Amino acid sequence: MGQRYWVIGGQYADCHFDDIQPGTEVVHGPYADEVKARMEWQRLTFKDRHEATERYSICVEPVIL
């Protein structure tokens, strides 16, 4: 089994990005390919440029041997 990628994020309380607003959490994935995860990250990140407190990240699931 190879690497799996996830896109996570949502709407935060402010631009410090410490506290996510309940109910806005988003998890997309898993993606077996980093390029596909990055494409989803770009789609979510740039869909509405007016949302200054919305943030998404790409996370890599650890491989357990």
C-alpha atoms as a PDB file:
ATOM      1  CA  MET A   1       0.000   0.000   0.000  1.00  0.00           C
ATOM      2  CA  GLY A   2       1.400   3.409  -0.998  1.00  0.00           C
ATOM      3  CA  GLN A   3       0.978   6.865   0.448  1.00  0.00           C
ATOM      4  CA  ARG A   4      -2.517   8.280   0.922  1.00  0.00           C
ATOM      5  CA  TYR A   5      -3.248  11.993   0.858  1.00  0.00           C
ATOM      6  CA  TRP A   6      -6.121  13.926   2.448  1.00  0.00           C
ATOM      7  CA  VAL A   7      -7.296  17.515   2.042  1.00  0.00           C
ATOM      8  CA  ILE A   8      -8.620  18.919   5.313  1.00  0.00           C
ATOM      9  CA  GLY A   9      -9.757  22.319   6.520  1.00  0.00           C
ATOM     10  CA  GLY A  10     -12.712  24.633   6.842  1.00  0.00           C
ATOM     11  CA  GLN A  11     -13.769  28.030   8.150  1.00  0.00           C
ATOM     12  CA  TYR A  12     -11.771  29.417  11.092  1.00  0.00           C
ATOM     13  CA  ALA A  13     -12.777  31.929  13.758  1.00  0.00           C
ATOM     14  CA  ASP A  14     -10.130  34.443  12.652  1.00  0.00           C
ATOM     15  CA  CYS A  15      -6.976  34.828  10.576  1.00  0.00           C
ATOM     16  CA  HIS A  16      -4.828  33.210  13.284  1.00  0.00           C
ATOM     17  CA  PHE A  17      -6.318  29.849  12.176  1.00  0.00           C
ATOM     18  CA  ASP A  18      -6.320  28.443  15.720  1.00  0.00           C
ATOM     19  CA  ASP A  19     -10.007  27.524  16.128  1.00  0.00           C
ATOM     20  CA  ILE A  20     -12.076  25.980  13.348  1.00  0.00           C
ATOM     21  CA  GLN A  21     -15.769  26.895  13.322  1.00  0.00           C
ATOM     22  CA  PRO A  22     -17.867  23.860  14.341  1.00  0.00           C
ATOM     23  CA  GLY A  23     -19.772  22.366  11.432  1.00  0.00           C
ATOM     24  CA  THR A  24     -17.443  23.760   8.744  1.00  0.00           C
ATOM     25  CA  GLU A  25     -14.867  20.960   8.904  1.00  0.00           C
ATOM     26  CA  VAL A  26     -14.075  19.412   5.527  1.00  0.00           C
ATOM     27  CA  VAL A  27     -12.204  16.175   4.773  1.00  0.00           C
ATOM     28  CA  HIS A  28     -11.629  15.079   1.171  1.00  0.00           C
ATOM     29  CA  GLY A  29      -9.833  11.894   0.226  1.00  0.00           C
ATOM     30  CA  PRO A  30      -8.119   9.634   0.358  1.00  0.00           C
ATOM     31  CA  TYR A  31      -6.081  10.298  -2.768  1.00  0.00           C
ATOM     32  CA  ALA A  32      -3.408   7.810  -3.833  1.00  0.00           C
ATOM     33  CA  ASP A  33      -1.688  10.522  -5.855  1.00  0.00           C
ATOM     34  CA  GLU A  34      -0.275  13.786  -4.471  1.00  0.00           C
ATOM     35  CA  VAL A  35      -1.151  15.587  -7.719  1.00  0.00           C
ATOM     36  CA  LYS A  36      -4.852  14.726  -7.342  1.00  0.00           C
ATOM     37  CA  ALA A  37      -4.796  15.907  -3.718  1.00  0.00           C
ATOM     38  CA  ARG A  38      -3.136  19.164  -4.798  1.00  0.00           C
ATOM     39  CA  MET A  39      -5.774  19.686  -7.488  1.00  0.00           C
ATOM     40  CA  GLU A  40      -8.527  19.317  -4.872  1.00  0.00           C
ATOM     41  CA  TRP A  41      -6.646  21.668  -2.502  1.00  0.00           C
ATOM     42  CA  GLN A  42      -6.434  24.283  -5.275  1.00  0.00           C
ATOM     43  CA  ARG A  43     -10.125  23.910  -6.105  1.00  0.00           C
ATOM     44  CA  LEU A  44     -11.138  24.411  -2.472  1.00  0.00           C
ATOM     45  CA  THR A  45      -8.602  27.155  -1.743  1.00  0.00           C
ATOM     46  CA  PHE A  46      -9.386  29.327  -4.743  1.00  0.00           C
ATOM     47  CA  LYS A  47     -13.140  28.690  -5.131  1.00  0.00           C
ATOM     48  CA  ASP A  48     -14.020  31.854  -3.217  1.00  0.00           C
ATOM     49  CA  ARG A  49     -11.188  34.319  -2.737  1.00  0.00           C
ATOM     50  CA  HIS A  50     -13.328  36.459  -0.425  1.00  0.00           C
ATOM     51  CA  GLU A  51     -13.120  33.982   2.473  1.00  0.00           C
ATOM     52  CA  ALA A  52     -10.008  35.176   4.335  1.00  0.00           C
ATOM     53  CA  THR A  53     -10.637  32.807   7.246  1.00  0.00           C
ATOM     54  CA  GLU A  54     -11.011  29.634   5.190  1.00  0.00           C
ATOM     55  CA  ARG A  55      -7.975  27.363   4.990  1.00  0.00           C
ATOM     56  CA  TYR A  56      -7.143  23.893   3.671  1.00  0.00           C
ATOM     57  CA  SER A  57      -4.095  21.660   4.031  1.00  0.00           C
ATOM     58  CA  ILE A  58      -2.822  18.487   2.403  1.00  0.00           C
ATOM     59  CA  CYS A  59      -1.993  15.774   4.920  1.00  0.00           C
ATOM     60  CA  VAL A  60      -0.079  12.572   4.233  1.00  0.00           C
ATOM     61  CA  GLU A  61      -1.230   9.465   6.024  1.00  0.00           C
ATOM     62  CA  PRO A  62       1.702   7.662   7.654  1.00  0.00           C
ATOM     63  CA  VAL A  63       2.619   4.286   6.238  1.00  0.00           C
ATOM     64  CA  ILE A  64       2.515   1.595   8.912  1.00  0.00           C
ATOM     65  CA  LEU A  65       4.963  -1.194   8.255  1.00  0.00           C
END
